[in-house]
């Protein structure tokens, strides 16, 4: 599924008018964000997944679901390693 998303034409992804407005405004504030570029949409999708993962992890932590917290943490570390991101605090 993710492979299909990365090669889909931007026109296939339906974005509401409110989301388009937000995307347009963000592109004014973030110089390398192009709302018409598939790479930017993919970047936004990835950031959304990170935000969602953080939200789920926080809930799991509050509910003391340690196994889920560990699993999501491991997946996040794999993603960071795959993207060659560095931890600014290290």
C-alpha atoms as a PDB file:
ATOM      1  CA  UNK A   1       0.000   0.000   0.000  1.00  0.00           C
ATOM      2  CA  UNK A   2       2.731   2.498   0.856  1.00  0.00           C
ATOM      3  CA  UNK A   3       4.488   1.689  -2.399  1.00  0.00           C
ATOM      4  CA  UNK A   4       1.322   2.563  -4.287  1.00  0.00           C
ATOM      5  CA  UNK A   5       1.008   5.850  -2.433  1.00  0.00           C
ATOM      6  CA  UNK A   6       4.533   6.847  -3.339  1.00  0.00           C
ATOM      7  CA  UNK A   7       3.874   6.409  -7.067  1.00  0.00           C
ATOM      8  CA  UNK A   8       0.275   7.668  -7.186  1.00  0.00           C
ATOM      9  CA  UNK A   9      -0.435  10.840  -9.060  1.00  0.00           C
ATOM     10  CA  UNK A  10      -1.211  13.763  -6.785  1.00  0.00           C
ATOM     11  CA  UNK A  11      -4.603  14.152  -8.458  1.00  0.00           C
ATOM     12  CA  UNK A  12      -5.666  10.749  -7.117  1.00  0.00           C
ATOM     13  CA  UNK A  13      -5.366  11.897  -3.509  1.00  0.00           C
ATOM     14  CA  UNK A  14      -8.437  13.912  -2.560  1.00  0.00           C
ATOM     15  CA  UNK A  15      -7.676  16.780  -0.204  1.00  0.00           C
ATOM     16  CA  UNK A  16     -10.483  18.879   1.268  1.00  0.00           C
ATOM     17  CA  UNK A  17     -10.581  22.617   0.637  1.00  0.00           C
ATOM     18  CA  UNK A  18      -9.700  23.310   4.278  1.00  0.00           C
ATOM     19  CA  UNK A  19      -6.682  21.000   4.065  1.00  0.00           C
ATOM     20  CA  UNK A  20      -5.616  22.689   0.822  1.00  0.00           C
ATOM     21  CA  UNK A  21      -5.842  26.091   2.525  1.00  0.00           C
ATOM     22  CA  UNK A  22      -3.735  24.843   5.436  1.00  0.00           C
ATOM     23  CA  UNK A  23      -1.210  23.298   3.063  1.00  0.00           C
ATOM     24  CA  UNK A  24      -1.004  26.514   1.071  1.00  0.00           C
ATOM     25  CA  UNK A  25      -0.456  28.596   4.215  1.00  0.00           C
ATOM     26  CA  UNK A  26       2.208  26.195   5.482  1.00  0.00           C
ATOM     27  CA  UNK A  27       3.996  26.418   2.147  1.00  0.00           C
ATOM     28  CA  UNK A  28       4.266  30.165   2.706  1.00  0.00           C
ATOM     29  CA  UNK A  29       5.966  29.537   6.049  1.00  0.00           C
ATOM     30  CA  UNK A  30       8.141  26.557   5.111  1.00  0.00           C
ATOM     31  CA  UNK A  31      10.408  27.424   2.153  1.00  0.00           C
ATOM     32  CA  UNK A  32      10.996  23.864   0.884  1.00  0.00           C
ATOM     33  CA  UNK A  33       7.330  22.812   1.056  1.00  0.00           C
ATOM     34  CA  UNK A  34       5.638  22.732  -2.345  1.00  0.00           C
ATOM     35  CA  UNK A  35       1.952  21.789  -2.066  1.00  0.00           C
ATOM     36  CA  UNK A  36       1.955  20.610  -5.700  1.00  0.00           C
ATOM     37  CA  UNK A  37       4.973  18.305  -5.381  1.00  0.00           C
ATOM     38  CA  UNK A  38       4.440  14.613  -4.606  1.00  0.00           C
ATOM     39  CA  UNK A  39       7.611  14.597  -2.496  1.00  0.00           C
ATOM     40  CA  UNK A  40       6.159  17.305  -0.249  1.00  0.00           C
ATOM     41  CA  UNK A  41       2.876  15.434   0.090  1.00  0.00           C
ATOM     42  CA  UNK A  42       4.816  12.291   0.979  1.00  0.00           C
ATOM     43  CA  UNK A  43       6.789  14.279   3.569  1.00  0.00           C
ATOM     44  CA  UNK A  44       3.579  15.614   5.096  1.00  0.00           C
ATOM     45  CA  UNK A  45       2.110  12.103   5.165  1.00  0.00           C
ATOM     46  CA  UNK A  46       5.214  10.844   6.952  1.00  0.00           C
ATOM     47  CA  UNK A  47       5.057  13.659   9.495  1.00  0.00           C
ATOM     48  CA  UNK A  48       1.385  12.863  10.063  1.00  0.00           C
ATOM     49  CA  UNK A  49       2.280   9.242  10.753  1.00  0.00           C
ATOM     50  CA  UNK A  50       4.882  10.376  13.255  1.00  0.00           C
ATOM     51  CA  UNK A  51       2.341  12.623  15.012  1.00  0.00           C
ATOM     52  CA  UNK A  52      -0.216   9.824  15.099  1.00  0.00           C
ATOM     53  CA  UNK A  53       2.383   7.389  16.447  1.00  0.00           C
ATOM     54  CA  UNK A  54       3.272   9.853  19.205  1.00  0.00           C
ATOM     55  CA  UNK A  55      -0.390  10.260  20.128  1.00  0.00           C
ATOM     56  CA  UNK A  56      -0.992   6.503  20.283  1.00  0.00           C
ATOM     57  CA  UNK A  57       2.243   5.975  22.216  1.00  0.00           C
ATOM     58  CA  UNK A  58       1.248   8.600  24.794  1.00  0.00           C
ATOM     59  CA  UNK A  59      -2.147   6.944  25.263  1.00  0.00           C
ATOM     60  CA  UNK A  60      -0.541   3.529  25.589  1.00  0.00           C
ATOM     61  CA  UNK A  61       1.904   4.924  28.144  1.00  0.00           C
ATOM     62  CA  UNK A  62      -0.980   6.437  30.153  1.00  0.00           C
ATOM     63  CA  UNK A  63      -2.752   3.070  30.088  1.00  0.00           C
ATOM     64  CA  UNK A  64       0.477   1.325  31.084  1.00  0.00           C
ATOM     65  CA  UNK A  65       0.564  -0.745  27.879  1.00  0.00           C
ATOM     66  CA  UNK A  66       4.310  -1.195  28.026  1.00  0.00           C
ATOM     67  CA  UNK A  67       4.487  -3.794  25.242  1.00  0.00           C
ATOM     68  CA  UNK A  68       2.737  -1.434  22.811  1.00  0.00           C
ATOM     69  CA  UNK A  69       4.959   1.478  23.868  1.00  0.00           C
ATOM     70  CA  UNK A  70       8.034  -0.700  23.251  1.00  0.00           C
ATOM     71  CA  UNK A  71       6.717  -1.884  19.868  1.00  0.00           C
ATOM     72  CA  UNK A  72       5.918   1.630  18.633  1.00  0.00           C
ATOM     73  CA  UNK A  73       9.266   2.899  19.902  1.00  0.00           C
ATOM     74  CA  UNK A  74      11.093   0.179  17.984  1.00  0.00           C
ATOM     75  CA  UNK A  75       9.161   0.967  14.803  1.00  0.00           C
ATOM     76  CA  UNK A  76       9.914   4.677  15.183  1.00  0.00           C
ATOM     77  CA  UNK A  77      13.631   3.988  15.658  1.00  0.00           C
ATOM     78  CA  UNK A  78      13.641   1.801  12.518  1.00  0.00           C
ATOM     79  CA  UNK A  79      12.000   4.611  10.554  1.00  0.00           C
ATOM     80  CA  UNK A  80      14.499   7.162  11.806  1.00  0.00           C
ATOM     81  CA  UNK A  81      17.378   4.845  10.873  1.00  0.00           C
ATOM     82  CA  UNK A  82      15.896   4.175   7.417  1.00  0.00           C
ATOM     83  CA  UNK A  83      15.486   7.890   6.757  1.00  0.00           C
ATOM     84  CA  UNK A  84      18.988   8.651   8.080  1.00  0.00           C
ATOM     85  CA  UNK A  85      17.573  11.181  10.529  1.00  0.00           C
ATOM     86  CA  UNK A  86      19.723  12.178  13.434  1.00  0.00           C
ATOM     87  CA  UNK A  87      18.634  12.886  16.983  1.00  0.00           C
ATOM     88  CA  UNK A  88      19.534  16.551  17.594  1.00  0.00           C
ATOM     89  CA  UNK A  89      19.949  15.841  21.317  1.00  0.00           C
ATOM     90  CA  UNK A  90      22.654  13.218  20.856  1.00  0.00           C
END
